[in-house]
Amino acid sequence: MSADPKGLQINIMGREFRVACPEPEQKGLLDAVDYLNQKMHEIKDHGKLIGLERIAIMAALNIAHEFLSTKVGGGFDIAEIKRRINSMETVLDQAISDQSELF
């Protein structure tokens, strides 16, 4: 997997793809590629499905199910909580940075 001005070169199940991705988001994309590859290999290793397309669809369904399962009863959304925590960390980092300039 490599980065260049035309996009990020990724490999999923032995197939090469070029994906447009802003540099700050590349680590997240590479983590997603690794996760997808892991899921697809798990499905392939169980030997019940043949064909990359079917494996990809089953992996997508499994990942979608995992994502939707993060929403706990009553509308509690873990992804939203993580976004809020990241936002708070950014504000705190800025405040700490501003404080260090005082001394």
PDB file of N, CA and C in Angstrom:
ATOM      1  N   MET A   1       0.841  -1.169   0.000  1.00  0.00           N
ATOM      2  CA  MET A   1       0.000   0.000   0.000  1.00  0.00           C
ATOM      3  C   MET A   1       0.892   1.240   0.000  1.00  0.00           C
ATOM      4  N   SER A   2       0.661   2.113  -0.937  1.00  0.00           N
ATOM      5  CA  SER A   2       1.506   3.295  -1.040  1.00  0.00           C
ATOM      6  C   SER A   2       0.667   4.520  -1.375  1.00  0.00           C
ATOM      7  N   ALA A   3       1.223   5.686  -1.006  1.00  0.00           N
ATOM      8  CA  ALA A   3       0.531   6.945  -1.275  1.00  0.00           C
ATOM      9  C   ALA A   3       1.234   7.671  -2.413  1.00  0.00           C
ATOM     10  N   ASP A   4       0.458   8.314  -3.249  1.00  0.00           N
ATOM     11  CA  ASP A   4       1.008   9.186  -4.277  1.00  0.00           C
ATOM     12  C   ASP A   4      -0.034  10.245  -4.599  1.00  0.00           C
ATOM     13  N   PRO A   5       0.319  11.242  -5.402  1.00  0.00           N
ATOM     14  CA  PRO A   5      -0.625  12.339  -5.668  1.00  0.00           C
ATOM     15  C   PRO A   5      -1.942  11.886  -6.298  1.00  0.00           C
ATOM     16  N   LYS A   6      -1.945  10.764  -6.975  1.00  0.00           N
ATOM     17  CA  LYS A   6      -3.166  10.304  -7.650  1.00  0.00           C
ATOM     18  C   LYS A   6      -4.044   9.456  -6.739  1.00  0.00           C
ATOM     19  N   GLY A   7      -3.606   9.166  -5.525  1.00  0.00           N
ATOM     20  CA  GLY A   7      -4.405   8.388  -4.605  1.00  0.00           C
ATOM     21  C   GLY A   7      -3.557   7.416  -3.819  1.00  0.00           C
ATOM     22  N   LEU A   8      -4.224   6.637  -3.022  1.00  0.00           N
ATOM     23  CA  LEU A   8      -3.573   5.647  -2.176  1.00  0.00           C
ATOM     24  C   LEU A   8      -3.739   4.278  -2.821  1.00  0.00           C
ATOM     25  N   GLN A   9      -2.640   3.586  -3.001  1.00  0.00           N
ATOM     26  CA  GLN A   9      -2.660   2.241  -3.580  1.00  0.00           C
ATOM     27  C   GLN A   9      -2.920   1.253  -2.441  1.00  0.00           C
ATOM     28  N   ILE A  10      -4.006   0.483  -2.536  1.00  0.00           N
ATOM     29  CA  ILE A  10      -4.333  -0.501  -1.508  1.00  0.00           C
ATOM     30  C   ILE A  10      -4.460  -1.878  -2.135  1.00  0.00           C
ATOM     31  N   ASN A  11      -4.407  -2.896  -1.288  1.00  0.00           N
ATOM     32  CA  ASN A  11      -4.512  -4.277  -1.739  1.00  0.00           C
ATOM     33  C   ASN A  11      -5.571  -4.973  -0.891  1.00  0.00           C
ATOM     34  N   ILE A  12      -6.587  -5.502  -1.552  1.00  0.00           N
ATOM     35  CA  ILE A  12      -7.640  -6.244  -0.867  1.00  0.00           C
ATOM     36  C   ILE A  12      -7.730  -7.623  -1.506  1.00  0.00           C
ATOM     37  N   MET A  13      -7.454  -8.629  -0.709  1.00  0.00           N
ATOM     38  CA  MET A  13      -7.500 -10.027  -1.167  1.00  0.00           C
ATOM     39  C   MET A  13      -6.673 -10.227  -2.439  1.00  0.00           C
ATOM     40  N   GLY A  14      -5.497  -9.598  -2.485  1.00  0.00           N
ATOM     41  CA  GLY A  14      -4.611  -9.777  -3.623  1.00  0.00           C
ATOM     42  C   GLY A  14      -4.909  -8.905  -4.825  1.00  0.00           C
ATOM     43  N   ARG A  15      -5.925  -8.086  -4.740  1.00  0.00           N
ATOM     44  CA  ARG A  15      -6.261  -7.184  -5.846  1.00  0.00           C
ATOM     45  C   ARG A  15      -5.865  -5.760  -5.487  1.00  0.00           C
ATOM     46  N   GLU A  16      -5.268  -5.086  -6.450  1.00  0.00           N
ATOM     47  CA  GLU A  16      -4.807  -3.728  -6.245  1.00  0.00           C
ATOM     48  C   GLU A  16      -5.906  -2.725  -6.615  1.00  0.00           C
ATOM     49  N   PHE A  17      -6.043  -1.702  -5.784  1.00  0.00           N
ATOM     50  CA  PHE A  17      -6.998  -0.625  -6.027  1.00  0.00           C
ATOM     51  C   PHE A  17      -6.322   0.697  -5.704  1.00  0.00           C
ATOM     52  N   ARG A  18      -6.691   1.737  -6.432  1.00  0.00           N
ATOM     53  CA  ARG A  18      -6.221   3.089  -6.128  1.00  0.00           C
ATOM     54  C   ARG A  18      -7.437   3.859  -5.614  1.00  0.00           C
ATOM     55  N   VAL A  19      -7.273   4.461  -4.442  1.00  0.00           N
ATOM     56  CA  VAL A  19      -8.380   5.134  -3.782  1.00  0.00           C
ATOM     57  C   VAL A  19      -7.977   6.572  -3.474  1.00  0.00           C
ATOM     58  N   ALA A  20      -8.813   7.518  -3.857  1.00  0.00           N
ATOM     59  CA  ALA A  20      -8.574   8.913  -3.502  1.00  0.00           C
ATOM     60  C   ALA A  20      -8.837   9.065  -2.012  1.00  0.00           C
ATOM     61  N   CYS A  21      -7.862   9.656  -1.304  1.00  0.00           N
ATOM     62  CA  CYS A  21      -8.007   9.805   0.139  1.00  0.00           C
ATOM     63  C   CYS A  21      -7.128  10.945   0.614  1.00  0.00           C
ATOM     64  N   PRO A  22      -7.706  11.935   1.311  1.00  0.00           N
ATOM     65  CA  PRO A  22      -6.874  13.014   1.852  1.00  0.00           C
ATOM     66  C   PRO A  22      -5.843  12.442   2.823  1.00  0.00           C
ATOM     67  N   GLU A  23      -4.666  13.043   2.854  1.00  0.00           N
ATOM     68  CA  GLU A  23      -3.576  12.518   3.679  1.00  0.00           C
ATOM     69  C   GLU A  23      -3.952  12.335   5.155  1.00  0.00           C
ATOM     70  N   PRO A  24      -4.688  13.263   5.775  1.00  0.00           N
ATOM     71  CA  PRO A  24      -5.024  13.065   7.190  1.00  0.00           C
ATOM     72  C   PRO A  24      -5.903  11.836   7.452  1.00  0.00           C
ATOM     73  N   GLU A  25      -6.575  11.340   6.421  1.00  0.00           N
ATOM     74  CA  GLU A  25      -7.480  10.206   6.592  1.00  0.00           C
ATOM     75  C   GLU A  25      -6.867   8.884   6.141  1.00  0.00           C
ATOM     76  N   GLN A  26      -5.635   8.902   5.669  1.00  0.00           N
ATOM     77  CA  GLN A  26      -5.033   7.691   5.110  1.00  0.00           C
ATOM     78  C   GLN A  26      -4.839   6.591   6.147  1.00  0.00           C
ATOM     79  N   LYS A  27      -4.443   6.936   7.368  1.00  0.00           N
ATOM     80  CA  LYS A  27      -4.272   5.906   8.389  1.00  0.00           C
ATOM     81  C   LYS A  27      -5.590   5.189   8.656  1.00  0.00           C
ATOM     82  N   GLY A  28      -6.657   5.949   8.759  1.00  0.00           N
ATOM     83  CA  GLY A  28      -7.977   5.350   8.985  1.00  0.00           C
ATOM     84  C   GLY A  28      -8.381   4.445   7.844  1.00  0.00           C
ATOM     85  N   LEU A  29      -8.091   4.868   6.618  1.00  0.00           N
ATOM     86  CA  LEU A  29      -8.408   4.043   5.459  1.00  0.00           C
ATOM     87  C   LEU A  29      -7.594   2.754   5.483  1.00  0.00           C
ATOM     88  N   LEU A  30      -6.316   2.854   5.801  1.00  0.00           N
ATOM     89  CA  LEU A  30      -5.471   1.659   5.850  1.00  0.00           C
ATOM     90  C   LEU A  30      -5.926   0.709   6.954  1.00  0.00           C
ATOM     91  N   ASP A  31      -6.380   1.250   8.077  1.00  0.00           N
ATOM     92  CA  ASP A  31      -6.943   0.407   9.140  1.00  0.00           C
ATOM     93  C   ASP A  31      -8.201  -0.305   8.637  1.00  0.00           C
ATOM     94  N   ALA A  32      -9.029   0.417   7.877  1.00  0.00           N
ATOM     95  CA  ALA A  32     -10.250  -0.180   7.325  1.00  0.00           C
ATOM     96  C   ALA A  32      -9.908  -1.281   6.319  1.00  0.00           C
ATOM     97  N   VAL A  33      -8.882  -1.050   5.500  1.00  0.00           N
ATOM     98  CA  VAL A  33      -8.447  -2.062   4.530  1.00  0.00           C
ATOM     99  C   VAL A  33      -7.992  -3.316   5.267  1.00  0.00           C
ATOM    100  N   ASP A  34      -7.200  -3.141   6.317  1.00  0.00           N
ATOM    101  CA  ASP A  34      -6.736  -4.295   7.095  1.00  0.00           C
ATOM    102  C   ASP A  34      -7.909  -5.056   7.705  1.00  0.00           C
ATOM    103  N   TYR A  35      -8.874  -4.313   8.242  1.00  0.00           N
ATOM    104  CA  TYR A  35     -10.039  -4.940   8.855  1.00  0.00           C
ATOM    105  C   TYR A  35     -10.859  -5.709   7.818  1.00  0.00           C
ATOM    106  N   LEU A  36     -11.071  -5.082   6.658  1.00  0.00           N
ATOM    107  CA  LEU A  36     -11.819  -5.740   5.590  1.00  0.00           C
ATOM    108  C   LEU A  36     -11.100  -7.000   5.117  1.00  0.00           C
ATOM    109  N   ASN A  37      -9.791  -6.901   4.921  1.00  0.00           N
ATOM    110  CA  ASN A  37      -9.018  -8.073   4.504  1.00  0.00           C
ATOM    111  C   ASN A  37      -9.156  -9.198   5.520  1.00  0.00           C
ATOM    112  N   GLN A  38      -9.076  -8.862   6.795  1.00  0.00           N
ATOM    113  CA  GLN A  38      -9.217  -9.861   7.849  1.00  0.00           C
ATOM    114  C   GLN A  38     -10.582 -10.555   7.763  1.00  0.00           C
ATOM    115  N   LYS A  39     -11.634  -9.765   7.638  1.00  0.00           N
ATOM    116  CA  LYS A  39     -12.987 -10.330   7.559  1.00  0.00           C
ATOM    117  C   LYS A  39     -13.146 -11.217   6.326  1.00  0.00           C
ATOM    118  N   MET A  40     -12.631 -10.745   5.195  1.00  0.00           N
ATOM    119  CA  MET A  40     -12.764 -11.521   3.959  1.00  0.00           C
ATOM    120  C   MET A  40     -11.976 -12.826   4.041  1.00  0.00           C
ATOM    121  N   HIS A  41     -10.791 -12.791   4.640  1.00  0.00           N
ATOM    122  CA  HIS A  41     -10.005 -14.018   4.793  1.00  0.00           C
ATOM    123  C   HIS A  41     -10.690 -15.007   5.745  1.00  0.00           C
ATOM    124  N   GLU A  42     -11.321 -14.487   6.798  1.00  0.00           N
ATOM    125  CA  GLU A  42     -12.065 -15.361   7.712  1.00  0.00           C
ATOM    126  C   GLU A  42     -13.167 -16.092   6.964  1.00  0.00           C
ATOM    127  N   ILE A  43     -13.902 -15.371   6.138  1.00  0.00           N
ATOM    128  CA  ILE A  43     -14.995 -15.977   5.370  1.00  0.00           C
ATOM    129  C   ILE A  43     -14.442 -16.985   4.378  1.00  0.00           C
ATOM    130  N   LYS A  44     -13.382 -16.611   3.683  1.00  0.00           N
ATOM    131  CA  LYS A  44     -12.770 -17.516   2.704  1.00  0.00           C
ATOM    132  C   LYS A  44     -12.241 -18.777   3.375  1.00  0.00           C
ATOM    133  N   ASP A  45     -11.610 -18.619   4.544  1.00  0.00           N
ATOM    134  CA  ASP A  45     -11.024 -19.755   5.246  1.00  0.00           C
ATOM    135  C   ASP A  45     -12.066 -20.741   5.755  1.00  0.00           C
ATOM    136  N   HIS A  46     -13.289 -20.258   5.977  1.00  0.00           N
ATOM    137  CA  HIS A  46     -14.353 -21.174   6.382  1.00  0.00           C
ATOM    138  C   HIS A  46     -14.808 -22.042   5.206  1.00  0.00           C
ATOM    139  N   GLY A  47     -14.434 -21.629   3.990  1.00  0.00           N
ATOM    140  CA  GLY A  47     -14.632 -22.456   2.808  1.00  0.00           C
ATOM    141  C   GLY A  47     -16.051 -22.619   2.316  1.00  0.00           C
ATOM    142  N   LYS A  48     -16.993 -21.862   2.851  1.00  0.00           N
ATOM    143  CA  LYS A  48     -18.382 -22.037   2.435  1.00  0.00           C
ATOM    144  C   LYS A  48     -18.731 -21.219   1.205  1.00  0.00           C
ATOM    145  N   LEU A  49     -17.965 -20.173   0.946  1.00  0.00           N
ATOM    146  CA  LEU A  49     -18.262 -19.315  -0.187  1.00  0.00           C
ATOM    147  C   LEU A  49     -17.127 -19.366  -1.205  1.00  0.00           C
ATOM    148  N   ILE A  50     -17.528 -19.330  -2.461  1.00  0.00           N
ATOM    149  CA  ILE A  50     -16.556 -19.298  -3.546  1.00  0.00           C
ATOM    150  C   ILE A  50     -16.786 -18.011  -4.324  1.00  0.00           C
ATOM    151  N   GLY A  51     -15.721 -17.376  -4.698  1.00  0.00           N
ATOM    152  CA  GLY A  51     -15.813 -16.158  -5.495  1.00  0.00           C
ATOM    153  C   GLY A  51     -15.618 -14.925  -4.648  1.00  0.00           C
ATOM    154  N   LEU A  52     -14.751 -14.071  -5.130  1.00  0.00           N
ATOM    155  CA  LEU A  52     -14.403 -12.859  -4.397  1.00  0.00           C
ATOM    156  C   LEU A  52     -15.613 -11.955  -4.172  1.00  0.00           C
ATOM    157  N   GLU A  53     -16.484 -11.882  -5.155  1.00  0.00           N
ATOM    158  CA  GLU A  53     -17.655 -11.015  -5.025  1.00  0.00           C
ATOM    159  C   GLU A  53     -18.553 -11.474  -3.879  1.00  0.00           C
ATOM    160  N   ARG A  54     -18.804 -12.763  -3.783  1.00  0.00           N
ATOM    161  CA  ARG A  54     -19.656 -13.278  -2.705  1.00  0.00           C
ATOM    162  C   ARG A  54     -18.993 -13.091  -1.343  1.00  0.00           C
ATOM    163  N   ILE A  55     -17.686 -13.299  -1.298  1.00  0.00           N
ATOM    164  CA  ILE A  55     -16.952 -13.099  -0.047  1.00  0.00           C
ATOM    165  C   ILE A  55     -17.042 -11.634   0.371  1.00  0.00           C
ATOM    166  N   ALA A  56     -16.885 -10.715  -0.598  1.00  0.00           N
ATOM    167  CA  ALA A  56     -16.955  -9.280  -0.309  1.00  0.00           C
ATOM    168  C   ALA A  56     -18.344  -8.900   0.199  1.00  0.00           C
ATOM    169  N   ILE A  57     -19.388  -9.448  -0.397  1.00  0.00           N
ATOM    170  CA  ILE A  57     -20.754  -9.128   0.028  1.00  0.00           C
ATOM    171  C   ILE A  57     -21.001  -9.632   1.444  1.00  0.00           C
ATOM    172  N   MET A  58     -20.553 -10.844   1.752  1.00  0.00           N
ATOM    173  CA  MET A  58     -20.736 -11.386   3.097  1.00  0.00           C
ATOM    174  C   MET A  58     -19.935 -10.573   4.118  1.00  0.00           C
ATOM    175  N   ALA A  59     -18.726 -10.178   3.747  1.00  0.00           N
ATOM    176  CA  ALA A  59     -17.914  -9.350   4.654  1.00  0.00           C
ATOM    177  C   ALA A  59     -18.615  -8.014   4.892  1.00  0.00           C
ATOM    178  N   ALA A  60     -19.157  -7.416   3.837  1.00  0.00           N
ATOM    179  CA  ALA A  60     -19.869  -6.142   3.966  1.00  0.00           C
ATOM    180  C   ALA A  60     -21.081  -6.297   4.882  1.00  0.00           C
ATOM    181  N   LEU A  61     -21.813  -7.386   4.734  1.00  0.00           N
ATOM    182  CA  LEU A  61     -22.971  -7.623   5.602  1.00  0.00           C
ATOM    183  C   LEU A  61     -22.544  -7.789   7.055  1.00  0.00           C
ATOM    184  N   ASN A  62     -21.469  -8.541   7.277  1.00  0.00           N
ATOM    185  CA  ASN A  62     -20.976  -8.735   8.640  1.00  0.00           C
ATOM    186  C   ASN A  62     -20.528  -7.416   9.265  1.00  0.00           C
ATOM    187  N   ILE A  63     -19.814  -6.610   8.495  1.00  0.00           N
ATOM    188  CA  ILE A  63     -19.329  -5.333   9.010  1.00  0.00           C
ATOM    189  C   ILE A  63     -20.505  -4.382   9.265  1.00  0.00           C
ATOM    190  N   ALA A  64     -21.471  -4.361   8.364  1.00  0.00           N
ATOM    191  CA  ALA A  64     -22.654  -3.512   8.559  1.00  0.00           C
ATOM    192  C   ALA A  64     -23.407  -3.932   9.823  1.00  0.00           C
ATOM    193  N   HIS A  65     -23.520  -5.233  10.033  1.00  0.00           N
ATOM    194  CA  HIS A  65     -24.185  -5.736  11.238  1.00  0.00           C
ATOM    195  C   HIS A  65     -23.425  -5.315  12.491  1.00  0.00           C
ATOM    196  N   GLU A  66     -22.100  -5.433  12.473  1.00  0.00           N
ATOM    197  CA  GLU A  66     -21.294  -5.002  13.608  1.00  0.00           C
ATOM    198  C   GLU A  66     -21.506  -3.514  13.879  1.00  0.00           C
ATOM    199  N   PHE A  67     -21.499  -2.725  12.820  1.00  0.00           N
ATOM    200  CA  PHE A  67     -21.684  -1.282  12.963  1.00  0.00           C
ATOM    201  C   PHE A  67     -23.037  -0.959  13.574  1.00  0.00           C
ATOM    202  N   LEU A  68     -24.079  -1.571  13.036  1.00  0.00           N
ATOM    203  CA  LEU A  68     -25.421  -1.292  13.541  1.00  0.00           C
ATOM    204  C   LEU A  68     -25.622  -1.820  14.956  1.00  0.00           C
ATOM    205  N   SER A  69     -24.864  -2.840  15.327  1.00  0.00           N
ATOM    206  CA  SER A  69     -24.955  -3.382  16.681  1.00  0.00           C
ATOM    207  C   SER A  69     -24.319  -2.452  17.705  1.00  0.00           C
ATOM    208  N   THR A  70     -23.516  -1.491  17.259  1.00  0.00           N
ATOM    209  CA  THR A  70     -22.914  -0.548  18.206  1.00  0.00           C
ATOM    210  C   THR A  70     -23.945   0.424  18.738  1.00  0.00           C
ATOM    211  N   LYS A  71     -25.085   0.501  18.095  1.00  0.00           N
ATOM    212  CA  LYS A  71     -26.160   1.346  18.604  1.00  0.00           C
ATOM    213  C   LYS A  71     -26.933   0.523  19.628  1.00  0.00           C
ATOM    214  N   VAL A  72     -26.825   0.935  20.865  1.00  0.00           N
ATOM    215  CA  VAL A  72     -27.467   0.222  21.953  1.00  0.00           C
ATOM    216  C   VAL A  72     -28.878   0.785  22.112  1.00  0.00           C
ATOM    217  N   GLY A  73     -29.768   0.014  22.720  1.00  0.00           N
ATOM    218  CA  GLY A  73     -31.144   0.445  22.915  1.00  0.00           C
ATOM    219  C   GLY A  73     -31.261   1.877  23.395  1.00  0.00           C
ATOM    220  N   GLY A  74     -32.282   2.556  22.968  1.00  0.00           N
ATOM    221  CA  GLY A  74     -32.509   3.940  23.365  1.00  0.00           C
ATOM    222  C   GLY A  74     -31.738   4.942  22.533  1.00  0.00           C
ATOM    223  N   GLY A  75     -31.136   4.501  21.438  1.00  0.00           N
ATOM    224  CA  GLY A  75     -30.469   5.432  20.545  1.00  0.00           C
ATOM    225  C   GLY A  75     -29.042   5.774  20.924  1.00  0.00           C
ATOM    226  N   PHE A  76     -28.443   5.075  21.869  1.00  0.00           N
ATOM    227  CA  PHE A  76     -27.055   5.312  22.260  1.00  0.00           C
ATOM    228  C   PHE A  76     -26.156   4.899  21.103  1.00  0.00           C
ATOM    229  N   ASP A  77     -25.422   5.852  20.551  1.00  0.00           N
ATOM    230  CA  ASP A  77     -24.609   5.629  19.367  1.00  0.00           C
ATOM    231  C   ASP A  77     -23.128   5.773  19.723  1.00  0.00           C
ATOM    232  N   ILE A  78     -22.413   4.656  19.774  1.00  0.00           N
ATOM    233  CA  ILE A  78     -21.004   4.665  20.159  1.00  0.00           C
ATOM    234  C   ILE A  78     -20.179   5.508  19.196  1.00  0.00           C
ATOM    235  N   ALA A  79     -20.468   5.431  17.907  1.00  0.00           N
ATOM    236  CA  ALA A  79     -19.711   6.218  16.923  1.00  0.00           C
ATOM    237  C   ALA A  79     -19.850   7.714  17.204  1.00  0.00           C
ATOM    238  N   GLU A  80     -21.055   8.154  17.560  1.00  0.00           N
ATOM    239  CA  GLU A  80     -21.265   9.569  17.884  1.00  0.00           C
ATOM    240  C   GLU A  80     -20.496   9.944  19.148  1.00  0.00           C
ATOM    241  N   ILE A  81     -20.482   9.079  20.131  1.00  0.00           N
ATOM    242  CA  ILE A  81     -19.728   9.338  21.363  1.00  0.00           C
ATOM    243  C   ILE A  81     -18.242   9.462  21.043  1.00  0.00           C
ATOM    244  N   LYS A  82     -17.714   8.593  20.195  1.00  0.00           N
ATOM    245  CA  LYS A  82     -16.300   8.666  19.812  1.00  0.00           C
ATOM    246  C   LYS A  82     -15.998   9.981  19.107  1.00  0.00           C
ATOM    247  N   ARG A  83     -16.899  10.426  18.221  1.00  0.00           N
ATOM    248  CA  ARG A  83     -16.696  11.707  17.539  1.00  0.00           C
ATOM    249  C   ARG A  83     -16.653  12.854  18.549  1.00  0.00           C
ATOM    250  N   ARG A  84     -17.543  12.815  19.539  1.00  0.00           N
ATOM    251  CA  ARG A  84     -17.567  13.865  20.557  1.00  0.00           C
ATOM    252  C   ARG A  84     -16.288  13.854  21.393  1.00  0.00           C
ATOM    253  N   ILE A  85     -15.813  12.671  21.758  1.00  0.00           N
ATOM    254  CA  ILE A  85     -14.578  12.559  22.532  1.00  0.00           C
ATOM    255  C   ILE A  85     -13.412  13.121  21.728  1.00  0.00           C
ATOM    256  N   ASN A  86     -13.330  12.776  20.442  1.00  0.00           N
ATOM    257  CA  ASN A  86     -12.260  13.308  19.596  1.00  0.00           C
ATOM    258  C   ASN A  86     -12.326  14.832  19.525  1.00  0.00           C
ATOM    259  N   SER A  87     -13.529  15.373  19.433  1.00  0.00           N
ATOM    260  CA  SER A  87     -13.703  16.820  19.395  1.00  0.00           C
ATOM    261  C   SER A  87     -13.237  17.450  20.702  1.00  0.00           C
ATOM    262  N   MET A  88     -13.591  16.827  21.829  1.00  0.00           N
ATOM    263  CA  MET A  88     -13.162  17.338  23.124  1.00  0.00           C
ATOM    264  C   MET A  88     -11.641  17.274  23.267  1.00  0.00           C
ATOM    265  N   GLU A  89     -11.028  16.200  22.778  1.00  0.00           N
ATOM    266  CA  GLU A  89      -9.573  16.084  22.835  1.00  0.00           C
ATOM    267  C   GLU A  89      -8.909  17.214  22.053  1.00  0.00           C
ATOM    268  N   THR A  90      -9.464  17.551  20.908  1.00  0.00           N
ATOM    269  CA  THR A  90      -8.916  18.647  20.101  1.00  0.00           C
ATOM    270  C   THR A  90      -8.994  19.964  20.866  1.00  0.00           C
ATOM    271  N   VAL A  91     -10.127  20.224  21.507  1.00  0.00           N
ATOM    272  CA  VAL A  91     -10.293  21.459  22.284  1.00  0.00           C
ATOM    273  C   VAL A  91      -9.310  21.483  23.451  1.00  0.00           C
ATOM    274  N   LEU A  92      -9.175  20.352  24.146  1.00  0.00           N
ATOM    275  CA  LEU A  92      -8.247  20.280  25.276  1.00  0.00           C
ATOM    276  C   LEU A  92      -6.799  20.467  24.828  1.00  0.00           C
ATOM    277  N   ASP A  93      -6.421  19.830  23.720  1.00  0.00           N
ATOM    278  CA  ASP A  93      -5.060  19.988  23.200  1.00  0.00           C
ATOM    279  C   ASP A  93      -4.770  21.448  22.891  1.00  0.00           C
ATOM    280  N   GLN A  94      -5.737  22.134  22.310  1.00  0.00           N
ATOM    281  CA  GLN A  94      -5.557  23.551  21.985  1.00  0.00           C
ATOM    282  C   GLN A  94      -5.426  24.375  23.255  1.00  0.00           C
ATOM    283  N   ALA A  95      -6.251  24.079  24.250  1.00  0.00           N
ATOM    284  CA  ALA A  95      -6.195  24.833  25.502  1.00  0.00           C
ATOM    285  C   ALA A  95      -4.858  24.615  26.203  1.00  0.00           C
ATOM    286  N   ILE A  96      -4.368  23.385  26.214  1.00  0.00           N
ATOM    287  CA  ILE A  96      -3.082  23.089  26.840  1.00  0.00           C
ATOM    288  C   ILE A  96      -1.968  23.800  26.091  1.00  0.00           C
ATOM    289  N   SER A  97      -2.030  23.793  24.784  1.00  0.00           N
ATOM    290  CA  SER A  97      -1.032  24.467  23.958  1.00  0.00           C
ATOM    291  C   SER A  97      -1.014  25.962  24.279  1.00  0.00           C
ATOM    292  N   ASP A  98      -2.197  26.551  24.395  1.00  0.00           N
ATOM    293  CA  ASP A  98      -2.286  27.974  24.710  1.00  0.00           C
ATOM    294  C   ASP A  98      -1.694  28.262  26.091  1.00  0.00           C
ATOM    295  N   GLN A  99      -1.888  27.368  27.062  1.00  0.00           N
ATOM    296  CA  GLN A  99      -1.358  27.540  28.411  1.00  0.00           C
ATOM    297  C   GLN A  99       0.170  27.483  28.423  1.00  0.00           C
ATOM    298  N   SER A 100       0.758  26.615  27.630  1.00  0.00           N
ATOM    299  CA  SER A 100       2.216  26.480  27.627  1.00  0.00           C
ATOM    300  C   SER A 100       2.878  27.736  27.093  1.00  0.00           C
ATOM    301  N   GLU A 101       2.171  28.502  26.285  1.00  0.00           N
ATOM    302  CA  GLU A 101       2.721  29.743  25.758  1.00  0.00           C
ATOM    303  C   GLU A 101       2.758  30.841  26.820  1.00  0.00           C
ATOM    304  N   LEU A 102       1.988  30.681  27.904  1.00  0.00           N
ATOM    305  CA  LEU A 102       1.953  31.683  28.967  1.00  0.00           C
ATOM    306  C   LEU A 102       3.215  31.665  29.824  1.00  0.00           C
ATOM    307  N   PHE A 103       3.888  30.533  29.858  1.00  0.00           N
ATOM    308  CA  PHE A 103       5.040  30.392  30.757  1.00  0.00           C
ATOM    309  C   PHE A 103       6.309  30.462  29.991  1.00  0.00           C
TER     310      PHE A 103
END
